[in-house]
Amino acid sequence: MKFIVDTQLPPKLSVYLQSEGHDCIHTTDFEDGHLLQDTEIIEIAIEQERTVITKDSDFSDHYFLKGAPPKVLLLLFGNISNKDLLAYFGQYLENIVTAFDNGSNYIQFSRDGIATD
């Protein structure tokens, strides 16, 4: 899969997803990436057919109102260490990819697992 990881999430998540064979970029990979606006991230996701990974519910609102970005993985972990976040991804990544491959466009991901649209 192709992902773009939003600014407020650790670049380590992008590195982890790359190590698992996914095409993943982090917003900080762009010049002034930490300043990218949501609309710019959405444009990148659409142009490059990437799933946005975010903690920002604004992406959910935009998805439900306008259908963009085309795919969203909303993280609902609250405060969590990078180590624990990566451990959850290790546990659920296959399920997340399968859900997107099976037609889900919006997934919520929390300590309880995933919930699809």
C-alpha atoms as a PDB file:
ATOM      1  CA  MET A   1       0.000   0.000   0.000  1.00  0.00           C
ATOM      2  CA  LYS A   2       0.889   3.651  -0.324  1.00  0.00           C
ATOM      3  CA  PHE A   3       0.647   5.808   2.779  1.00  0.00           C
ATOM      4  CA  ILE A   4       1.302   9.377   3.837  1.00  0.00           C
ATOM      5  CA  VAL A   5       1.829   9.866   7.579  1.00  0.00           C
ATOM      6  CA  ASP A   6       0.553  13.147   8.988  1.00  0.00           C
ATOM      7  CA  THR A   7       2.811  15.626  10.766  1.00  0.00           C
ATOM      8  CA  GLN A   8       1.783  14.925  14.359  1.00  0.00           C
ATOM      9  CA  LEU A   9       2.743  11.251  14.058  1.00  0.00           C
ATOM     10  CA  PRO A  10       6.336  10.072  14.408  1.00  0.00           C
ATOM     11  CA  PRO A  11       8.536   9.635  11.327  1.00  0.00           C
ATOM     12  CA  LYS A  12       9.418   6.247  12.865  1.00  0.00           C
ATOM     13  CA  LEU A  13       5.966   5.077  11.792  1.00  0.00           C
ATOM     14  CA  SER A  14       6.809   5.841   8.173  1.00  0.00           C
ATOM     15  CA  VAL A  15      10.140   4.026   8.513  1.00  0.00           C
ATOM     16  CA  TYR A  16       8.377   1.029  10.068  1.00  0.00           C
ATOM     17  CA  LEU A  17       5.803   0.829   7.264  1.00  0.00           C
ATOM     18  CA  GLN A  18       8.595   1.038   4.680  1.00  0.00           C
ATOM     19  CA  SER A  19      10.386  -1.832   6.434  1.00  0.00           C
ATOM     20  CA  GLU A  20       7.194  -3.856   6.046  1.00  0.00           C
ATOM     21  CA  GLY A  21       7.264  -3.315   2.277  1.00  0.00           C
ATOM     22  CA  HIS A  22       4.884  -0.376   1.946  1.00  0.00           C
ATOM     23  CA  ASP A  23       5.448   2.814  -0.028  1.00  0.00           C
ATOM     24  CA  CYS A  24       5.250   5.333   2.784  1.00  0.00           C
ATOM     25  CA  ILE A  25       6.165   8.979   3.127  1.00  0.00           C
ATOM     26  CA  HIS A  26       5.959  11.310   6.096  1.00  0.00           C
ATOM     27  CA  THR A  27       4.930  14.928   5.737  1.00  0.00           C
ATOM     28  CA  THR A  28       8.346  15.933   7.078  1.00  0.00           C
ATOM     29  CA  ASP A  29       9.849  14.400   3.914  1.00  0.00           C
ATOM     30  CA  PHE A  30       8.668  17.556   2.133  1.00  0.00           C
ATOM     31  CA  GLU A  31      10.346  20.928   2.352  1.00  0.00           C
ATOM     32  CA  ASP A  32       8.631  22.708   5.251  1.00  0.00           C
ATOM     33  CA  GLY A  33       6.595  19.518   5.641  1.00  0.00           C
ATOM     34  CA  HIS A  34       5.809  20.236   9.274  1.00  0.00           C
ATOM     35  CA  LEU A  35       3.908  23.263   7.967  1.00  0.00           C
ATOM     36  CA  LEU A  36       1.837  21.399   5.344  1.00  0.00           C
ATOM     37  CA  GLN A  37      -1.832  22.241   5.591  1.00  0.00           C
ATOM     38  CA  ASP A  38      -4.468  19.501   5.601  1.00  0.00           C
ATOM     39  CA  THR A  39      -5.579  20.532   2.117  1.00  0.00           C
ATOM     40  CA  GLU A  40      -2.028  20.056   0.819  1.00  0.00           C
ATOM     41  CA  ILE A  41      -1.800  16.618   2.416  1.00  0.00           C
ATOM     42  CA  ILE A  42      -5.133  15.710   0.834  1.00  0.00           C
ATOM     43  CA  GLU A  43      -3.854  16.870  -2.576  1.00  0.00           C
ATOM     44  CA  ILE A  44      -0.750  14.696  -2.193  1.00  0.00           C
ATOM     45  CA  ALA A  45      -2.885  11.724  -1.143  1.00  0.00           C
ATOM     46  CA  ILE A  46      -5.152  12.136  -4.161  1.00  0.00           C
ATOM     47  CA  GLU A  47      -2.370  12.759  -6.688  1.00  0.00           C
ATOM     48  CA  GLN A  48      -0.227   9.869  -5.428  1.00  0.00           C
ATOM     49  CA  GLU A  49      -3.105   7.550  -4.430  1.00  0.00           C
ATOM     50  CA  ARG A  50      -1.965   7.405  -0.804  1.00  0.00           C
ATOM     51  CA  THR A  51      -3.877   6.563   2.350  1.00  0.00           C
ATOM     52  CA  VAL A  52      -3.599   9.296   4.976  1.00  0.00           C
ATOM     53  CA  ILE A  53      -2.575   8.068   8.428  1.00  0.00           C
ATOM     54  CA  THR A  54      -3.523  10.694  10.993  1.00  0.00           C
ATOM     55  CA  LYS A  55      -4.685  11.523  14.514  1.00  0.00           C
ATOM     56  CA  ASP A  56      -6.478  14.607  13.178  1.00  0.00           C
ATOM     57  CA  SER A  57     -10.264  14.212  13.017  1.00  0.00           C
ATOM     58  CA  ASP A  58     -10.393  17.023  10.445  1.00  0.00           C
ATOM     59  CA  PHE A  59      -9.414  14.428   7.832  1.00  0.00           C
ATOM     60  CA  SER A  60     -12.418  12.326   8.843  1.00  0.00           C
ATOM     61  CA  ASP A  61     -14.712  15.321   8.565  1.00  0.00           C
ATOM     62  CA  HIS A  62     -13.307  16.154   5.142  1.00  0.00           C
ATOM     63  CA  TYR A  63     -13.609  12.516   4.023  1.00  0.00           C
ATOM     64  CA  PHE A  64     -17.271  12.248   5.031  1.00  0.00           C
ATOM     65  CA  LEU A  65     -18.206  15.661   3.629  1.00  0.00           C
ATOM     66  CA  LYS A  66     -16.188  15.652   0.397  1.00  0.00           C
ATOM     67  CA  GLY A  67     -14.950  12.093  -0.139  1.00  0.00           C
ATOM     68  CA  ALA A  68     -11.340  13.203   0.052  1.00  0.00           C
ATOM     69  CA  PRO A  69      -8.775  12.069   0.811  1.00  0.00           C
ATOM     70  CA  PRO A  70      -9.801   8.812  -0.810  1.00  0.00           C
ATOM     71  CA  LYS A  71      -8.648   6.699   2.155  1.00  0.00           C
ATOM     72  CA  VAL A  72      -8.093   7.567   5.820  1.00  0.00           C
ATOM     73  CA  LEU A  73      -6.643   5.595   8.718  1.00  0.00           C
ATOM     74  CA  LEU A  74      -7.613   7.572  11.825  1.00  0.00           C
ATOM     75  CA  LEU A  75      -5.595   6.718  14.939  1.00  0.00           C
ATOM     76  CA  LEU A  76      -7.497   6.984  18.219  1.00  0.00           C
ATOM     77  CA  PHE A  77      -4.777   6.097  20.696  1.00  0.00           C
ATOM     78  CA  GLY A  78      -4.509   9.356  22.611  1.00  0.00           C
ATOM     79  CA  ASN A  79      -1.115   9.662  24.257  1.00  0.00           C
ATOM     80  CA  ILE A  80       0.982   6.647  23.360  1.00  0.00           C
ATOM     81  CA  SER A  81       4.697   5.999  23.160  1.00  0.00           C
ATOM     82  CA  ASN A  82       6.255   5.442  19.752  1.00  0.00           C
ATOM     83  CA  LYS A  83       7.256   1.956  20.867  1.00  0.00           C
ATOM     84  CA  ASP A  84       3.680   1.040  21.795  1.00  0.00           C
ATOM     85  CA  LEU A  85       2.265   2.614  18.629  1.00  0.00           C
ATOM     86  CA  LEU A  86       4.616   0.561  16.467  1.00  0.00           C
ATOM     87  CA  ALA A  87       3.710  -2.554  18.452  1.00  0.00           C
ATOM     88  CA  TYR A  88       0.012  -1.992  17.671  1.00  0.00           C
ATOM     89  CA  PHE A  89       0.863  -1.542  14.010  1.00  0.00           C
ATOM     90  CA  GLY A  90       2.848  -4.768  14.131  1.00  0.00           C
ATOM     91  CA  GLN A  91      -0.183  -6.543  15.526  1.00  0.00           C
ATOM     92  CA  TYR A  92      -2.825  -5.040  13.209  1.00  0.00           C
ATOM     93  CA  LEU A  93      -1.071  -3.982   9.995  1.00  0.00           C
ATOM     94  CA  GLU A  94      -2.128  -7.061   8.052  1.00  0.00           C
ATOM     95  CA  ASN A  95      -5.771  -6.521   9.092  1.00  0.00           C
ATOM     96  CA  ILE A  96      -5.584  -2.851   8.106  1.00  0.00           C
ATOM     97  CA  VAL A  97      -4.167  -3.622   4.663  1.00  0.00           C
ATOM     98  CA  THR A  98      -6.736  -6.384   4.126  1.00  0.00           C
ATOM     99  CA  ALA A  99      -9.591  -4.058   5.084  1.00  0.00           C
ATOM    100  CA  PHE A 100      -8.414  -1.405   2.614  1.00  0.00           C
ATOM    101  CA  ASP A 101      -7.856  -4.055  -0.075  1.00  0.00           C
ATOM    102  CA  ASN A 102     -11.412  -5.306   0.516  1.00  0.00           C
ATOM    103  CA  GLY A 103     -12.904  -1.891  -0.179  1.00  0.00           C
ATOM    104  CA  SER A 104     -12.821   0.039   3.084  1.00  0.00           C
ATOM    105  CA  ASN A 105     -11.902   3.678   2.634  1.00  0.00           C
ATOM    106  CA  TYR A 106     -12.079   4.785   6.257  1.00  0.00           C
ATOM    107  CA  ILE A 107     -10.685   2.875   9.234  1.00  0.00           C
ATOM    108  CA  GLN A 108     -10.483   3.862  12.870  1.00  0.00           C
ATOM    109  CA  PHE A 109      -7.593   2.256  14.745  1.00  0.00           C
ATOM    110  CA  SER A 110      -7.366   2.151  18.530  1.00  0.00           C
ATOM    111  CA  ARG A 111      -6.105  -0.055  21.335  1.00  0.00           C
ATOM    112  CA  ASP A 112      -9.216  -2.165  20.736  1.00  0.00           C
ATOM    113  CA  GLY A 113      -8.280  -2.877  17.116  1.00  0.00           C
ATOM    114  CA  ILE A 114      -9.772  -1.583  13.880  1.00  0.00           C
ATOM    115  CA  ALA A 115     -13.270  -0.493  12.904  1.00  0.00           C
ATOM    116  CA  THR A 116     -14.116  -0.038   9.237  1.00  0.00           C
ATOM    117  CA  ASP A 117     -16.669   2.026   7.376  1.00  0.00           C
END
